[in-house]
C-alpha atoms as a PDB file:
ATOM      1  CA  MET A   1      -4.568  22.172  24.958  1.00  0.00           C
ATOM      2  CA  LYS A   2      -6.849  25.096  24.143  1.00  0.00           C
ATOM      3  CA  ILE A   3      -9.556  25.049  21.453  1.00  0.00           C
ATOM      4  CA  LEU A   4     -11.176  28.125  19.986  1.00  0.00           C
ATOM      5  CA  VAL A   5     -14.644  27.810  18.414  1.00  0.00           C
ATOM      6  CA  PRO A   6     -16.055  30.761  16.454  1.00  0.00           C
ATOM      7  CA  ILE A   7     -19.872  30.782  16.303  1.00  0.00           C
ATOM      8  CA  LYS A   8     -22.405  32.921  14.433  1.00  0.00           C
ATOM      9  CA  ARG A   9     -25.901  34.174  15.214  1.00  0.00           C
ATOM     10  CA  VAL A  10     -28.235  33.329  12.368  1.00  0.00           C
ATOM     11  CA  VAL A  11     -31.929  32.997  11.651  1.00  0.00           C
ATOM     12  CA  ASP A  12     -33.220  29.662  13.024  1.00  0.00           C
ATOM     13  CA  TYR A  13     -33.169  27.034  10.259  1.00  0.00           C
ATOM     14  CA  ASN A  14     -36.873  26.329  10.766  1.00  0.00           C
ATOM     15  CA  VAL A  15     -37.852  29.900   9.907  1.00  0.00           C
ATOM     16  CA  LYS A  16     -38.790  30.839   6.349  1.00  0.00           C
ATOM     17  CA  VAL A  17     -37.153  34.231   5.778  1.00  0.00           C
ATOM     18  CA  ARG A  18     -38.665  37.047   3.785  1.00  0.00           C
ATOM     19  CA  PRO A  19     -37.060  40.137   2.220  1.00  0.00           C
ATOM     20  CA  LEU A  20     -37.905  43.654   3.390  1.00  0.00           C
ATOM     21  CA  SER A  21     -40.519  45.532   1.334  1.00  0.00           C
ATOM     22  CA  ASP A  22     -37.794  47.501  -0.425  1.00  0.00           C
ATOM     23  CA  ASN A  23     -35.673  44.362  -1.050  1.00  0.00           C
ATOM     24  CA  SER A  24     -32.753  45.955   0.726  1.00  0.00           C
ATOM     25  CA  ASN A  25     -32.147  43.011   3.041  1.00  0.00           C
ATOM     26  CA  VAL A  26     -33.739  40.114   4.925  1.00  0.00           C
ATOM     27  CA  ASP A  27     -36.580  41.007   7.290  1.00  0.00           C
ATOM     28  CA  LEU A  28     -35.347  40.039  10.787  1.00  0.00           C
ATOM     29  CA  ASN A  29     -38.172  41.693  12.753  1.00  0.00           C
ATOM     30  CA  ASN A  30     -39.505  39.279  15.410  1.00  0.00           C
ATOM     31  CA  VAL A  31     -37.566  36.397  13.808  1.00  0.00           C
ATOM     32  CA  LYS A  32     -36.249  33.580  15.967  1.00  0.00           C
ATOM     33  CA  MET A  33     -32.426  33.532  16.004  1.00  0.00           C
ATOM     34  CA  ALA A  34     -30.103  30.615  16.864  1.00  0.00           C
ATOM     35  CA  VAL A  35     -26.547  29.345  16.728  1.00  0.00           C
ATOM     36  CA  ASN A  36     -25.550  28.442  13.168  1.00  0.00           C
ATOM     37  CA  PRO A  37     -25.992  24.630  12.872  1.00  0.00           C
ATOM     38  CA  PHE A  38     -22.461  24.071  11.516  1.00  0.00           C
ATOM     39  CA  CYS A  39     -21.095  26.101  14.479  1.00  0.00           C
ATOM     40  CA  GLU A  40     -23.021  23.832  16.844  1.00  0.00           C
ATOM     41  CA  ILE A  41     -21.244  20.832  15.259  1.00  0.00           C
ATOM     42  CA  ALA A  42     -17.860  22.543  15.734  1.00  0.00           C
ATOM     43  CA  LEU A  43     -18.657  23.342  19.375  1.00  0.00           C
ATOM     44  CA  GLU A  44     -19.842  19.764  20.025  1.00  0.00           C
ATOM     45  CA  GLU A  45     -16.576  18.375  18.615  1.00  0.00           C
ATOM     46  CA  ALA A  46     -14.508  20.703  20.807  1.00  0.00           C
ATOM     47  CA  VAL A  47     -16.487  19.749  23.933  1.00  0.00           C
ATOM     48  CA  ARG A  48     -16.090  16.055  23.147  1.00  0.00           C
ATOM     49  CA  LEU A  49     -12.343  16.519  22.807  1.00  0.00           C
ATOM     50  CA  LYS A  50     -12.271  18.203  26.211  1.00  0.00           C
ATOM     51  CA  GLU A  51     -14.417  15.461  27.762  1.00  0.00           C
ATOM     52  CA  SER A  52     -12.043  12.839  26.400  1.00  0.00           C
ATOM     53  CA  GLY A  53      -9.120  14.548  28.169  1.00  0.00           C
ATOM     54  CA  LYS A  54      -7.410  15.721  24.964  1.00  0.00           C
ATOM     55  CA  ALA A  55      -8.251  19.401  25.522  1.00  0.00           C
ATOM     56  CA  THR A  56      -8.267  21.533  28.632  1.00  0.00           C
ATOM     57  CA  GLU A  57     -10.291  24.605  27.618  1.00  0.00           C
ATOM     58  CA  VAL A  58     -12.920  25.474  25.021  1.00  0.00           C
ATOM     59  CA  ILE A  59     -13.400  29.138  24.140  1.00  0.00           C
ATOM     60  CA  ALA A  60     -16.388  30.362  22.127  1.00  0.00           C
ATOM     61  CA  VAL A  61     -16.104  33.627  20.210  1.00  0.00           C
ATOM     62  CA  SER A  62     -18.623  35.514  18.101  1.00  0.00           C
ATOM     63  CA  VAL A  63     -18.447  38.636  15.935  1.00  0.00           C
ATOM     64  CA  GLY A  64     -21.723  40.512  15.720  1.00  0.00           C
ATOM     65  CA  LYS A  65     -24.264  42.745  17.469  1.00  0.00           C
ATOM     66  CA  THR A  66     -24.905  42.832  21.207  1.00  0.00           C
ATOM     67  CA  GLU A  67     -27.707  40.267  20.784  1.00  0.00           C
ATOM     68  CA  SER A  68     -25.083  37.653  19.903  1.00  0.00           C
ATOM     69  CA  GLN A  69     -24.480  37.293  23.660  1.00  0.00           C
ATOM     70  CA  GLU A  70     -27.596  35.066  23.649  1.00  0.00           C
ATOM     71  CA  GLN A  71     -25.883  32.549  21.310  1.00  0.00           C
ATOM     72  CA  LEU A  72     -22.662  32.736  23.313  1.00  0.00           C
ATOM     73  CA  ARG A  73     -24.606  31.895  26.469  1.00  0.00           C
ATOM     74  CA  THR A  74     -26.014  28.922  24.610  1.00  0.00           C
ATOM     75  CA  ALA A  75     -22.447  27.894  23.731  1.00  0.00           C
ATOM     76  CA  LEU A  76     -21.471  28.188  27.400  1.00  0.00           C
ATOM     77  CA  ALA A  77     -24.459  26.008  28.340  1.00  0.00           C
ATOM     78  CA  LEU A  78     -23.338  23.411  25.773  1.00  0.00           C
ATOM     79  CA  GLY A  79     -19.870  23.105  27.328  1.00  0.00           C
ATOM     80  CA  ALA A  80     -17.662  26.079  26.403  1.00  0.00           C
ATOM     81  CA  ASP A  81     -15.634  27.339  29.400  1.00  0.00           C
ATOM     82  CA  ARG A  82     -15.699  31.048  28.527  1.00  0.00           C
ATOM     83  CA  ALA A  83     -16.748  33.283  25.664  1.00  0.00           C
ATOM     84  CA  THR A  84     -15.805  36.528  23.900  1.00  0.00           C
ATOM     85  CA  LEU A  85     -18.045  38.770  21.857  1.00  0.00           C
ATOM     86  CA  VAL A  86     -16.503  41.259  19.428  1.00  0.00           C
ATOM     87  CA  GLU A  87     -19.295  43.742  18.807  1.00  0.00           C
ATOM     88  CA  SER A  88     -20.011  45.138  15.397  1.00  0.00           C
ATOM     89  CA  ASP A  89     -23.053  47.205  14.410  1.00  0.00           C
ATOM     90  CA  SER A  90     -23.045  45.814  10.891  1.00  0.00           C
ATOM     91  CA  LEU A  91     -22.970  42.249   9.544  1.00  0.00           C
ATOM     92  CA  LEU A  92     -19.350  41.659   8.571  1.00  0.00           C
ATOM     93  CA  GLU A  93     -18.120  39.890   5.453  1.00  0.00           C
ATOM     94  CA  PRO A  94     -16.059  36.697   5.793  1.00  0.00           C
ATOM     95  CA  LEU A  95     -12.807  38.610   5.326  1.00  0.00           C
ATOM     96  CA  GLY A  96     -13.704  41.067   8.117  1.00  0.00           C
ATOM     97  CA  ILE A  97     -14.628  38.222  10.439  1.00  0.00           C
ATOM     98  CA  ALA A  98     -11.395  36.404   9.600  1.00  0.00           C
ATOM     99  CA  LYS A  99      -9.390  39.534  10.447  1.00  0.00           C
ATOM    100  CA  VAL A 100     -11.130  39.840  13.816  1.00  0.00           C
ATOM    101  CA  LEU A 101     -10.565  36.157  14.571  1.00  0.00           C
ATOM    102  CA  HIS A 102      -6.933  36.620  13.589  1.00  0.00           C
ATOM    103  CA  LYS A 103      -6.514  39.120  16.422  1.00  0.00           C
ATOM    104  CA  ILE A 104      -8.346  36.896  18.855  1.00  0.00           C
ATOM    105  CA  VAL A 105      -6.105  33.939  17.986  1.00  0.00           C
ATOM    106  CA  GLU A 106      -3.000  36.111  18.497  1.00  0.00           C
ATOM    107  CA  ASN A 107      -4.262  36.966  21.970  1.00  0.00           C
ATOM    108  CA  GLU A 108      -5.545  33.548  23.016  1.00  0.00           C
ATOM    109  CA  LYS A 109      -2.975  31.369  21.201  1.00  0.00           C
ATOM    110  CA  PRO A 110      -5.227  28.279  20.877  1.00  0.00           C
ATOM    111  CA  ASP A 111      -3.782  24.979  19.699  1.00  0.00           C
ATOM    112  CA  LEU A 112      -6.781  24.181  17.547  1.00  0.00           C
ATOM    113  CA  ILE A 113      -9.490  26.287  15.891  1.00  0.00           C
ATOM    114  CA  ILE A 114     -12.688  24.462  14.971  1.00  0.00           C
ATOM    115  CA  LEU A 115     -15.445  26.291  13.079  1.00  0.00           C
ATOM    116  CA  GLY A 116     -18.397  25.469  10.895  1.00  0.00           C
ATOM    117  CA  LYS A 117     -17.649  25.177   7.199  1.00  0.00           C
ATOM    118  CA  GLN A 118     -20.317  27.826   6.429  1.00  0.00           C
ATOM    119  CA  ALA A 119     -23.161  29.831   7.905  1.00  0.00           C
ATOM    120  CA  ILE A 120     -26.692  29.073   6.699  1.00  0.00           C
ATOM    121  CA  ASP A 121     -27.462  32.735   6.034  1.00  0.00           C
ATOM    122  CA  GLY A 122     -24.692  33.694   3.572  1.00  0.00           C
ATOM    123  CA  ASP A 123     -23.497  30.173   2.679  1.00  0.00           C
ATOM    124  CA  ASN A 124     -20.121  31.658   1.839  1.00  0.00           C
ATOM    125  CA  ASN A 125     -17.826  28.856   3.108  1.00  0.00           C
ATOM    126  CA  GLN A 126     -14.894  31.293   3.236  1.00  0.00           C
ATOM    127  CA  THR A 127     -14.075  32.385   6.818  1.00  0.00           C
ATOM    128  CA  GLY A 128     -12.086  29.282   7.832  1.00  0.00           C
ATOM    129  CA  GLN A 129      -9.953  29.359   4.705  1.00  0.00           C
ATOM    130  CA  MET A 130      -9.267  33.073   4.966  1.00  0.00           C
ATOM    131  CA  LEU A 131      -8.330  32.772   8.634  1.00  0.00           C
ATOM    132  CA  ALA A 132      -5.898  29.945   7.832  1.00  0.00           C
ATOM    133  CA  GLU A 133      -4.226  32.154   5.218  1.00  0.00           C
ATOM    134  CA  LEU A 134      -3.954  35.145   7.585  1.00  0.00           C
ATOM    135  CA  LEU A 135      -2.444  32.969  10.318  1.00  0.00           C
ATOM    136  CA  GLY A 136      -0.359  30.787   8.056  1.00  0.00           C
ATOM    137  CA  TYR A 137      -1.870  27.686   9.716  1.00  0.00           C
ATOM    138  CA  PRO A 138      -2.524  24.340   8.019  1.00  0.00           C
ATOM    139  CA  GLN A 139      -6.200  23.718   7.397  1.00  0.00           C
ATOM    140  CA  ALA A 140      -8.624  20.872   6.710  1.00  0.00           C
ATOM    141  CA  THR A 141     -12.126  21.682   5.489  1.00  0.00           C
ATOM    142  CA  ASN A 142     -15.410  19.717   5.523  1.00  0.00           C
ATOM    143  CA  ALA A 143     -14.278  17.362   8.306  1.00  0.00           C
ATOM    144  CA  SER A 144     -16.295  14.227   8.946  1.00  0.00           C
ATOM    145  CA  GLU A 145     -13.847  12.852  11.598  1.00  0.00           C
ATOM    146  CA  VAL A 146     -11.296  14.560  13.812  1.00  0.00           C
ATOM    147  CA  ILE A 147      -8.624  12.704  15.840  1.00  0.00           C
ATOM    148  CA  LEU A 148      -6.472  14.919  18.041  1.00  0.00           C
ATOM    149  CA  GLU A 149      -2.978  13.758  19.038  1.00  0.00           C
ATOM    150  CA  ASP A 150      -0.175  15.410  21.003  1.00  0.00           C
ATOM    151  CA  SER A 151       1.304  17.528  18.205  1.00  0.00           C
ATOM    152  CA  SER A 152      -1.011  16.870  15.263  1.00  0.00           C
ATOM    153  CA  VAL A 153      -4.589  16.387  14.257  1.00  0.00           C
ATOM    154  CA  LYS A 154      -5.891  13.819  11.742  1.00  0.00           C
ATOM    155  CA  VAL A 155      -8.892  14.944   9.768  1.00  0.00           C
ATOM    156  CA  THR A 156     -10.985  12.773   7.455  1.00  0.00           C
ATOM    157  CA  ARG A 157     -12.994  14.705   4.896  1.00  0.00           C
ATOM    158  CA  GLU A 158     -15.479  13.653   2.231  1.00  0.00           C
ATOM    159  CA  ILE A 159     -14.414  14.228  -1.345  1.00  0.00           C
ATOM    160  CA  ASP A 160     -15.875  13.199  -4.702  1.00  0.00           C
ATOM    161  CA  GLY A 161     -15.801   9.428  -4.845  1.00  0.00           C
ATOM    162  CA  GLY A 162     -14.405   8.704  -1.385  1.00  0.00           C
ATOM    163  CA  LEU A 163     -12.649   9.952   1.735  1.00  0.00           C
ATOM    164  CA  GLN A 164      -9.423  11.855   2.219  1.00  0.00           C
ATOM    165  CA  THR A 165      -7.405  11.810   5.475  1.00  0.00           C
ATOM    166  CA  LEU A 166      -5.032  14.670   6.267  1.00  0.00           C
ATOM    167  CA  GLU A 167      -2.567  15.037   9.131  1.00  0.00           C
ATOM    168  CA  LEU A 168      -1.950  18.609  10.258  1.00  0.00           C
ATOM    169  CA  THR A 169       0.657  19.916  12.663  1.00  0.00           C
ATOM    170  CA  ILE A 170      -0.888  22.071  15.346  1.00  0.00           C
ATOM    171  CA  PRO A 171      -1.795  24.853  15.657  1.00  0.00           C
ATOM    172  CA  ALA A 172      -4.282  24.148  12.899  1.00  0.00           C
ATOM    173  CA  ILE A 173      -7.726  25.062  11.587  1.00  0.00           C
ATOM    174  CA  VAL A 174     -10.526  22.588  10.970  1.00  0.00           C
ATOM    175  CA  THR A 175     -13.951  23.349   9.456  1.00  0.00           C
ATOM    176  CA  THR A 176     -16.786  20.915  10.147  1.00  0.00           C
ATOM    177  CA  ASP A 177     -19.286  19.128   7.926  1.00  0.00           C
ATOM    178  CA  LEU A 178     -22.740  17.785   8.864  1.00  0.00           C
ATOM    179  CA  ARG A 179     -21.684  14.177   9.430  1.00  0.00           C
ATOM    180  CA  LEU A 180     -18.982  14.917  12.018  1.00  0.00           C
ATOM    181  CA  ASN A 181     -21.303  14.531  15.007  1.00  0.00           C
ATOM    182  CA  GLU A 182     -24.775  15.225  16.366  1.00  0.00           C
ATOM    183  CA  PRO A 183     -24.823  18.249  18.745  1.00  0.00           C
ATOM    184  CA  ARG A 184     -26.299  17.821  22.232  1.00  0.00           C
ATOM    185  CA  TYR A 185     -29.092  19.822  23.836  1.00  0.00           C
ATOM    186  CA  ALA A 186     -28.315  22.136  26.684  1.00  0.00           C
ATOM    187  CA  SER A 187     -29.710  20.883  30.030  1.00  0.00           C
ATOM    188  CA  LEU A 188     -31.416  23.237  32.454  1.00  0.00           C
ATOM    189  CA  PRO A 189     -28.631  22.938  35.102  1.00  0.00           C
ATOM    190  CA  ASN A 190     -26.009  23.814  32.459  1.00  0.00           C
ATOM    191  CA  ILE A 191     -28.102  26.765  31.236  1.00  0.00           C
ATOM    192  CA  MET A 192     -28.130  28.088  34.855  1.00  0.00           C
ATOM    193  CA  LYS A 193     -24.378  27.499  35.196  1.00  0.00           C
ATOM    194  CA  ALA A 194     -23.715  29.325  31.976  1.00  0.00           C
ATOM    195  CA  LYS A 195     -24.992  32.589  33.495  1.00  0.00           C
ATOM    196  CA  LYS A 196     -21.995  32.585  35.829  1.00  0.00           C
ATOM    197  CA  LYS A 197     -19.382  31.776  33.209  1.00  0.00           C
ATOM    198  CA  GLU A 198     -17.053  34.491  31.855  1.00  0.00           C
ATOM    199  CA  LEU A 199     -18.271  36.414  28.797  1.00  0.00           C
ATOM    200  CA  ASN A 200     -16.014  39.225  27.650  1.00  0.00           C
ATOM    201  CA  VAL A 201     -17.237  41.967  25.319  1.00  0.00           C
ATOM    202  CA  MET A 202     -15.026  44.173  23.131  1.00  0.00           C
ATOM    203  CA  SER A 203     -15.424  46.148  19.916  1.00  0.00           C
ATOM    204  CA  THR A 204     -13.784  45.828  16.539  1.00  0.00           C
ATOM    205  CA  SER A 205     -12.213  49.274  17.057  1.00  0.00           C
ATOM    206  CA  GLU A 206     -10.404  47.990  20.173  1.00  0.00           C
ATOM    207  CA  LEU A 207      -8.725  45.360  18.033  1.00  0.00           C
ATOM    208  CA  GLY A 208      -7.655  47.899  15.412  1.00  0.00           C
ATOM    209  CA  VAL A 209      -8.995  45.809  12.546  1.00  0.00           C
ATOM    210  CA  ASP A 210     -10.179  47.137   9.163  1.00  0.00           C
ATOM    211  CA  VAL A 211     -13.550  45.526   8.680  1.00  0.00           C
ATOM    212  CA  ASN A 212     -14.850  47.850   5.954  1.00  0.00           C
ATOM    213  CA  PRO A 213     -16.906  45.871   3.361  1.00  0.00           C
ATOM    214  CA  ARG A 214     -15.402  45.044  -0.018  1.00  0.00           C
ATOM    215  CA  THR A 215     -18.758  44.185  -1.576  1.00  0.00           C
ATOM    216  CA  GLU A 216     -22.158  45.883  -1.722  1.00  0.00           C
ATOM    217  CA  LEU A 217     -25.507  44.140  -1.228  1.00  0.00           C
ATOM    218  CA  LEU A 218     -27.761  45.304  -4.056  1.00  0.00           C
ATOM    219  CA  SER A 219     -30.981  43.476  -3.294  1.00  0.00           C
ATOM    220  CA  VAL A 220     -32.559  40.463  -1.611  1.00  0.00           C
ATOM    221  CA  GLU A 221     -35.373  38.749  -3.491  1.00  0.00           C
ATOM    222  CA  LEU A 222     -37.394  35.571  -3.198  1.00  0.00           C
ATOM    223  CA  PRO A 223     -36.747  32.927  -5.877  1.00  0.00           C
ATOM    224  CA  PRO A 224     -39.337  32.873  -8.664  1.00  0.00           C
ATOM    225  CA  SER A 225     -42.346  30.695  -7.832  1.00  0.00           C
ATOM    226  CA  ARG A 226     -42.564  27.461  -9.759  1.00  0.00           C
ATOM    227  CA  GLU A 227     -45.388  26.936 -12.213  1.00  0.00           C
ATOM    228  CA  ALA A 228     -47.913  24.210 -11.556  1.00  0.00           C
ATOM    229  CA  GLY A 229     -47.280  20.832 -13.146  1.00  0.00           C
ATOM    230  CA  VAL A 230     -49.322  19.395 -16.037  1.00  0.00           C
ATOM    231  CA  MET A 231     -50.847  15.956 -16.113  1.00  0.00           C
ATOM    232  CA  VAL A 232     -50.648  14.071 -19.429  1.00  0.00           C
ATOM    233  CA  GLU A 233     -52.637  11.041 -20.478  1.00  0.00           C
ATOM    234  CA  THR A 234     -50.138   9.164 -22.659  1.00  0.00           C
ATOM    235  CA  ILE A 235     -46.431   8.740 -23.151  1.00  0.00           C
ATOM    236  CA  GLU A 236     -46.781  10.326 -26.566  1.00  0.00           C
ATOM    237  CA  ASP A 237     -48.195  13.514 -24.964  1.00  0.00           C
ATOM    238  CA  LEU A 238     -45.326  13.584 -22.489  1.00  0.00           C
ATOM    239  CA  VAL A 239     -42.703  13.241 -25.230  1.00  0.00           C
ATOM    240  CA  ASP A 240     -44.426  15.924 -27.251  1.00  0.00           C
ATOM    241  CA  LYS A 241     -44.395  18.424 -24.353  1.00  0.00           C
ATOM    242  CA  LEU A 242     -40.766  17.660 -23.474  1.00  0.00           C
ATOM    243  CA  LYS A 243     -39.745  18.140 -27.085  1.00  0.00           C
ATOM    244  CA  ASN A 244     -41.904  21.117 -28.206  1.00  0.00           C
ATOM    245  CA  GLU A 245     -42.677  23.027 -24.997  1.00  0.00           C
ATOM    246  CA  ALA A 246     -39.866  22.300 -22.533  1.00  0.00           C
ATOM    247  CA  LYS A 247     -37.406  21.696 -25.372  1.00  0.00           C
ATOM    248  CA  VAL A 248     -35.272  19.391 -23.219  1.00  0.00           C
ATOM    249  CA  ILE A 249     -35.151  16.596 -25.820  1.00  0.00           C
ATOM    250  CA  GLN A 250     -34.800  16.621 -29.569  1.00  0.00           C
END
């Protein structure tokens, strides 16, 4: 059984991003980049399925600039068997990424596609759903447990007020939530081994996919800074300010 894991290169979650001076985009100069945390969870789940004997191969794929090879090498060090980078000079929208992955799936024919529910840069939570529609595959989003069987996969997902368990016939698509697992760290021996693993590079033009954007980014701005709080001496002062200044009570 073959598992495909799409991953994305994003700004490290510990970094506080800033917009460019003209507010045209995020300033990425000298910023530490990493594998999207939700993608790490998806990769960890795929590797665990392989280690349990339920999968035979894990393939990592990324769509982005040449620098994304760094994150694919990380994925190889974490347990992926081989990787593919589809190069694009611009940051693609979820629909464009889904179209590229559609072509990759047609070529690789994986039994299961596991990807993070969202990327921490755009927070769109769209690519998995769009890919499922393009492929006509069953899907389960926000997975907190995945049980792979011979011809199906059972996915437990968190919903308002409880849990929901779905059974999907494979091939299928699963997007991962935070509570699915805790990703491992890459060991030094595995980092060295990853350098010898297969990493294919192709371009979006080779796949013949229309990845032209459907939306336009107008500006990137920091959220407004919060005003300092005010200390009050009595409950009566607090109620007065909530009523007459904040106007949150009547």
